N, C-alpha and C. Protein backbone atom coordinates (compact mmCIF):
# COMPACT_ATOMS: atom_id res chain seq x y z
N MET A 1 69.78 -108.35 -134.24
CA MET A 1 70.21 -107.63 -135.45
C MET A 1 71.28 -108.51 -136.11
N THR A 2 71.20 -108.61 -137.44
CA THR A 2 72.14 -109.34 -138.11
C THR A 2 73.37 -108.47 -138.53
N ILE A 3 74.37 -109.03 -138.92
CA ILE A 3 75.57 -108.31 -139.38
C ILE A 3 75.21 -107.46 -140.60
N LEU A 4 74.38 -108.00 -141.57
CA LEU A 4 74.01 -107.31 -142.73
C LEU A 4 73.17 -106.04 -142.38
N GLU A 5 72.31 -106.22 -141.39
CA GLU A 5 71.43 -105.06 -140.92
C GLU A 5 72.33 -104.00 -140.29
N ALA A 6 73.31 -104.44 -139.47
CA ALA A 6 74.27 -103.48 -138.91
C ALA A 6 75.10 -102.74 -139.93
N MET A 7 75.51 -103.47 -141.01
CA MET A 7 76.23 -102.78 -142.14
C MET A 7 75.37 -101.85 -142.83
N ASP A 8 74.07 -102.15 -143.08
CA ASP A 8 73.11 -101.22 -143.75
C ASP A 8 72.99 -100.00 -142.89
N GLU A 9 72.82 -100.15 -141.52
CA GLU A 9 72.76 -98.98 -140.70
C GLU A 9 73.98 -98.17 -140.72
N SER A 10 75.10 -98.83 -140.70
CA SER A 10 76.44 -98.11 -140.76
C SER A 10 76.52 -97.36 -141.95
N THR A 11 76.12 -97.88 -143.18
CA THR A 11 76.24 -97.20 -144.46
C THR A 11 75.27 -96.04 -144.52
N ASP A 12 74.05 -96.23 -143.98
CA ASP A 12 73.11 -95.14 -143.88
C ASP A 12 73.63 -94.01 -143.10
N HIS A 13 74.19 -94.33 -141.95
CA HIS A 13 74.75 -93.35 -141.08
C HIS A 13 75.95 -92.61 -141.75
N ASP A 14 76.80 -93.32 -142.42
CA ASP A 14 77.93 -92.79 -143.16
C ASP A 14 77.36 -91.74 -144.21
N VAL A 15 76.33 -92.15 -144.94
CA VAL A 15 75.90 -91.31 -145.97
C VAL A 15 75.27 -90.02 -145.39
N GLU A 16 74.56 -90.14 -144.27
CA GLU A 16 74.02 -89.07 -143.59
C GLU A 16 75.03 -88.11 -143.09
N GLY A 17 76.10 -88.72 -142.59
CA GLY A 17 77.23 -87.93 -142.06
C GLY A 17 78.01 -87.26 -143.19
N GLU A 18 78.10 -87.87 -144.37
CA GLU A 18 78.75 -87.33 -145.55
C GLU A 18 77.90 -86.12 -146.00
N LEU A 19 76.52 -86.29 -146.05
CA LEU A 19 75.71 -85.20 -146.41
C LEU A 19 75.83 -84.03 -145.51
N ALA A 20 75.84 -84.31 -144.20
CA ALA A 20 75.94 -83.26 -143.20
C ALA A 20 77.26 -82.47 -143.36
N ALA A 21 78.36 -83.25 -143.63
CA ALA A 21 79.63 -82.64 -143.79
C ALA A 21 79.66 -81.76 -145.11
N SER A 22 78.96 -82.28 -146.09
CA SER A 22 79.01 -81.54 -147.38
C SER A 22 78.21 -80.23 -147.23
N ASP A 23 77.04 -80.37 -146.49
CA ASP A 23 76.26 -79.14 -146.22
C ASP A 23 77.10 -78.11 -145.39
N LEU A 24 77.85 -78.61 -144.37
CA LEU A 24 78.59 -77.77 -143.48
C LEU A 24 79.77 -77.03 -144.29
N PHE A 25 80.39 -77.89 -145.23
CA PHE A 25 81.41 -77.35 -146.00
C PHE A 25 80.87 -76.16 -146.96
N ASP A 26 79.72 -76.44 -147.57
CA ASP A 26 79.08 -75.42 -148.39
C ASP A 26 78.77 -74.21 -147.69
N HIS A 27 78.27 -74.34 -146.35
CA HIS A 27 77.98 -73.22 -145.59
C HIS A 27 79.29 -72.50 -145.21
N LEU A 28 80.33 -73.20 -144.90
CA LEU A 28 81.63 -72.57 -144.61
C LEU A 28 82.14 -71.74 -145.77
N LYS A 29 82.02 -72.24 -147.02
CA LYS A 29 82.40 -71.56 -148.22
C LYS A 29 81.66 -70.17 -148.32
N VAL A 30 80.33 -70.26 -148.03
CA VAL A 30 79.52 -69.07 -148.07
C VAL A 30 80.04 -68.02 -147.04
N LEU A 31 80.32 -68.53 -145.85
CA LEU A 31 80.76 -67.66 -144.75
C LEU A 31 82.11 -67.02 -145.09
N LEU A 32 82.95 -67.79 -145.71
CA LEU A 32 84.31 -67.22 -146.09
C LEU A 32 84.07 -66.10 -147.10
N GLU A 33 83.13 -66.24 -147.95
CA GLU A 33 82.85 -65.11 -148.93
C GLU A 33 82.24 -63.88 -148.24
N LEU A 34 81.76 -64.09 -147.02
CA LEU A 34 81.16 -62.91 -146.33
C LEU A 34 82.27 -62.13 -145.51
N LEU A 35 83.37 -62.74 -145.35
CA LEU A 35 84.52 -62.03 -144.70
C LEU A 35 84.98 -60.94 -145.61
N SER A 36 85.60 -59.92 -144.93
CA SER A 36 86.25 -58.87 -145.73
C SER A 36 87.36 -59.55 -146.55
N PRO A 37 87.68 -58.94 -147.66
CA PRO A 37 88.80 -59.53 -148.52
C PRO A 37 90.05 -59.77 -147.75
N ARG A 38 90.46 -58.88 -146.90
CA ARG A 38 91.70 -59.07 -146.14
C ARG A 38 91.58 -60.17 -145.14
N GLN A 39 90.46 -60.28 -144.43
CA GLN A 39 90.28 -61.37 -143.47
C GLN A 39 90.33 -62.63 -144.18
N ARG A 40 89.61 -62.78 -145.34
CA ARG A 40 89.52 -64.04 -146.09
C ARG A 40 91.02 -64.38 -146.55
N GLU A 41 91.77 -63.45 -147.03
CA GLU A 41 93.06 -63.67 -147.50
C GLU A 41 94.02 -64.21 -146.31
N VAL A 42 93.86 -63.57 -145.26
CA VAL A 42 94.72 -63.97 -144.03
C VAL A 42 94.27 -65.31 -143.59
N PHE A 43 92.96 -65.58 -143.51
CA PHE A 43 92.46 -66.81 -143.05
C PHE A 43 92.91 -68.01 -143.99
N ILE A 44 92.90 -67.80 -145.31
CA ILE A 44 93.27 -68.88 -146.28
C ILE A 44 94.79 -69.05 -146.20
N LEU A 45 95.56 -68.03 -146.07
CA LEU A 45 97.06 -68.10 -145.96
C LEU A 45 97.39 -68.95 -144.72
N SER A 46 96.65 -68.65 -143.66
CA SER A 46 96.96 -69.33 -142.40
C SER A 46 96.43 -70.82 -142.36
N ARG A 47 95.20 -70.97 -142.75
CA ARG A 47 94.63 -72.34 -142.63
C ARG A 47 94.85 -73.22 -143.81
N LYS A 48 94.86 -72.68 -145.03
CA LYS A 48 95.06 -73.59 -146.21
C LYS A 48 96.49 -73.71 -146.50
N GLU A 49 97.22 -72.62 -146.49
CA GLU A 49 98.62 -72.63 -146.91
C GLU A 49 99.59 -72.89 -145.74
N ASN A 50 99.01 -72.93 -144.53
CA ASN A 50 99.77 -73.15 -143.31
C ASN A 50 100.91 -72.21 -143.10
N LEU A 51 100.77 -70.94 -143.45
CA LEU A 51 101.76 -69.92 -143.19
C LEU A 51 101.66 -69.47 -141.77
N THR A 52 102.73 -69.00 -141.15
CA THR A 52 102.69 -68.45 -139.91
C THR A 52 102.30 -66.98 -139.95
N TYR A 53 101.89 -66.40 -138.89
CA TYR A 53 101.47 -64.98 -138.82
C TYR A 53 102.64 -64.12 -139.39
N LYS A 54 103.81 -64.42 -139.01
CA LYS A 54 104.99 -63.71 -139.47
C LYS A 54 105.11 -63.78 -140.93
N GLU A 55 104.92 -64.98 -141.56
CA GLU A 55 105.04 -65.20 -142.96
C GLU A 55 103.93 -64.41 -143.71
N ILE A 56 102.80 -64.48 -143.14
CA ILE A 56 101.58 -63.77 -143.72
C ILE A 56 101.90 -62.24 -143.73
N ALA A 57 102.29 -61.78 -142.59
CA ALA A 57 102.69 -60.34 -142.46
C ALA A 57 103.72 -59.90 -143.53
N GLU A 58 104.72 -60.69 -143.74
CA GLU A 58 105.71 -60.38 -144.66
C GLU A 58 105.15 -60.37 -146.10
N ARG A 59 104.40 -61.44 -146.39
CA ARG A 59 103.74 -61.54 -147.72
C ARG A 59 102.82 -60.39 -148.07
N LEU A 60 102.03 -59.98 -147.08
CA LEU A 60 101.03 -58.90 -147.36
C LEU A 60 101.61 -57.53 -146.93
N GLU A 61 102.79 -57.48 -146.44
CA GLU A 61 103.45 -56.26 -146.05
C GLU A 61 102.56 -55.49 -145.16
N ILE A 62 102.10 -56.22 -143.97
CA ILE A 62 101.41 -55.66 -142.85
C ILE A 62 102.08 -56.17 -141.55
N SER A 63 101.74 -55.58 -140.50
CA SER A 63 102.32 -56.03 -139.23
C SER A 63 101.71 -57.40 -138.77
N GLU A 64 102.50 -58.12 -137.85
CA GLU A 64 101.93 -59.30 -137.36
C GLU A 64 100.69 -59.11 -136.51
N LYS A 65 100.64 -57.94 -135.87
CA LYS A 65 99.56 -57.57 -134.98
C LYS A 65 98.24 -57.43 -135.90
N THR A 66 98.45 -56.90 -137.06
CA THR A 66 97.31 -56.67 -138.05
C THR A 66 96.85 -58.08 -138.47
N VAL A 67 97.85 -58.96 -138.71
CA VAL A 67 97.46 -60.33 -139.09
C VAL A 67 96.63 -61.04 -137.96
N GLU A 68 97.08 -60.80 -136.75
CA GLU A 68 96.36 -61.44 -135.56
C GLU A 68 94.97 -60.88 -135.42
N ARG A 69 94.80 -59.54 -135.69
CA ARG A 69 93.51 -58.93 -135.54
C ARG A 69 92.58 -59.46 -136.71
N HIS A 70 93.10 -59.54 -137.90
CA HIS A 70 92.23 -60.09 -139.09
C HIS A 70 91.86 -61.53 -138.76
N MET A 71 92.84 -62.26 -138.28
CA MET A 71 92.55 -63.68 -138.05
C MET A 71 91.49 -63.82 -136.83
N GLY A 72 91.76 -63.10 -135.85
CA GLY A 72 90.83 -63.16 -134.70
C GLY A 72 89.42 -62.78 -135.11
N ASP A 73 89.28 -61.70 -135.88
CA ASP A 73 87.94 -61.26 -136.32
C ASP A 73 87.32 -62.28 -137.25
N ALA A 74 88.12 -62.91 -138.18
CA ALA A 74 87.51 -63.96 -139.00
C ALA A 74 87.14 -65.20 -138.26
N LEU A 75 87.90 -65.63 -137.31
CA LEU A 75 87.53 -66.74 -136.44
C LEU A 75 86.34 -66.52 -135.57
N LYS A 76 86.33 -65.28 -135.08
CA LYS A 76 85.09 -64.90 -134.25
C LYS A 76 83.85 -64.99 -135.13
N PHE A 77 83.88 -64.38 -136.33
CA PHE A 77 82.73 -64.44 -137.27
C PHE A 77 82.35 -65.84 -137.66
N LEU A 78 83.30 -66.65 -138.00
CA LEU A 78 83.08 -68.00 -138.42
C LEU A 78 82.51 -68.82 -137.26
N ARG A 79 83.12 -68.74 -136.14
CA ARG A 79 82.68 -69.43 -134.94
C ARG A 79 81.20 -69.16 -134.64
N ARG A 80 80.84 -67.85 -134.61
CA ARG A 80 79.44 -67.38 -134.22
C ARG A 80 78.55 -67.94 -135.26
N ASN A 81 78.77 -67.79 -136.54
CA ASN A 81 77.90 -68.32 -137.59
C ASN A 81 77.84 -69.74 -137.73
N LEU A 82 78.87 -70.48 -137.45
CA LEU A 82 78.78 -71.93 -137.51
C LEU A 82 78.08 -72.46 -136.35
N LEU A 83 78.14 -71.79 -135.15
CA LEU A 83 77.30 -72.18 -134.00
C LEU A 83 75.82 -71.96 -134.35
N LEU A 84 75.52 -70.86 -134.87
CA LEU A 84 74.11 -70.62 -135.26
C LEU A 84 73.61 -71.67 -136.30
N TYR A 85 74.46 -72.07 -137.18
CA TYR A 85 74.14 -73.06 -138.20
C TYR A 85 73.85 -74.42 -137.54
N SER A 86 74.79 -74.76 -136.60
CA SER A 86 74.66 -76.06 -135.95
C SER A 86 73.40 -76.14 -135.04
N VAL A 87 73.06 -74.96 -134.41
CA VAL A 87 71.83 -74.92 -133.61
C VAL A 87 70.61 -75.07 -134.46
N PHE A 88 70.55 -74.31 -135.60
CA PHE A 88 69.40 -74.27 -136.48
C PHE A 88 69.17 -75.61 -137.04
N PHE A 89 70.31 -76.33 -137.48
CA PHE A 89 70.16 -77.66 -138.17
C PHE A 89 70.20 -78.88 -137.29
N SER A 90 70.25 -78.68 -135.93
CA SER A 90 70.31 -79.81 -135.08
C SER A 90 68.92 -80.35 -134.74
N PHE A 91 67.83 -79.61 -135.20
CA PHE A 91 66.45 -80.00 -134.96
C PHE A 91 65.95 -80.98 -136.07
């Protein structure tokens, strides 16, 4: 195999990887919309805005335990559905 052939394969692989990542990201956006409004809000505050559970609780005027429950439920839902997605699309 020549260096150019290896580069072509590498580029093809990167494109395939980018497409897979894009599909996964699109699927994640759909899954986020399926969360309850409060779960989605807690998840976004935690993962996108990097707030602590305490900061989220203060901002939303709920207890830290409630934040933990919403986050746990959201993560469980996302994990389960992303696993199903990966199994379905691995063939």
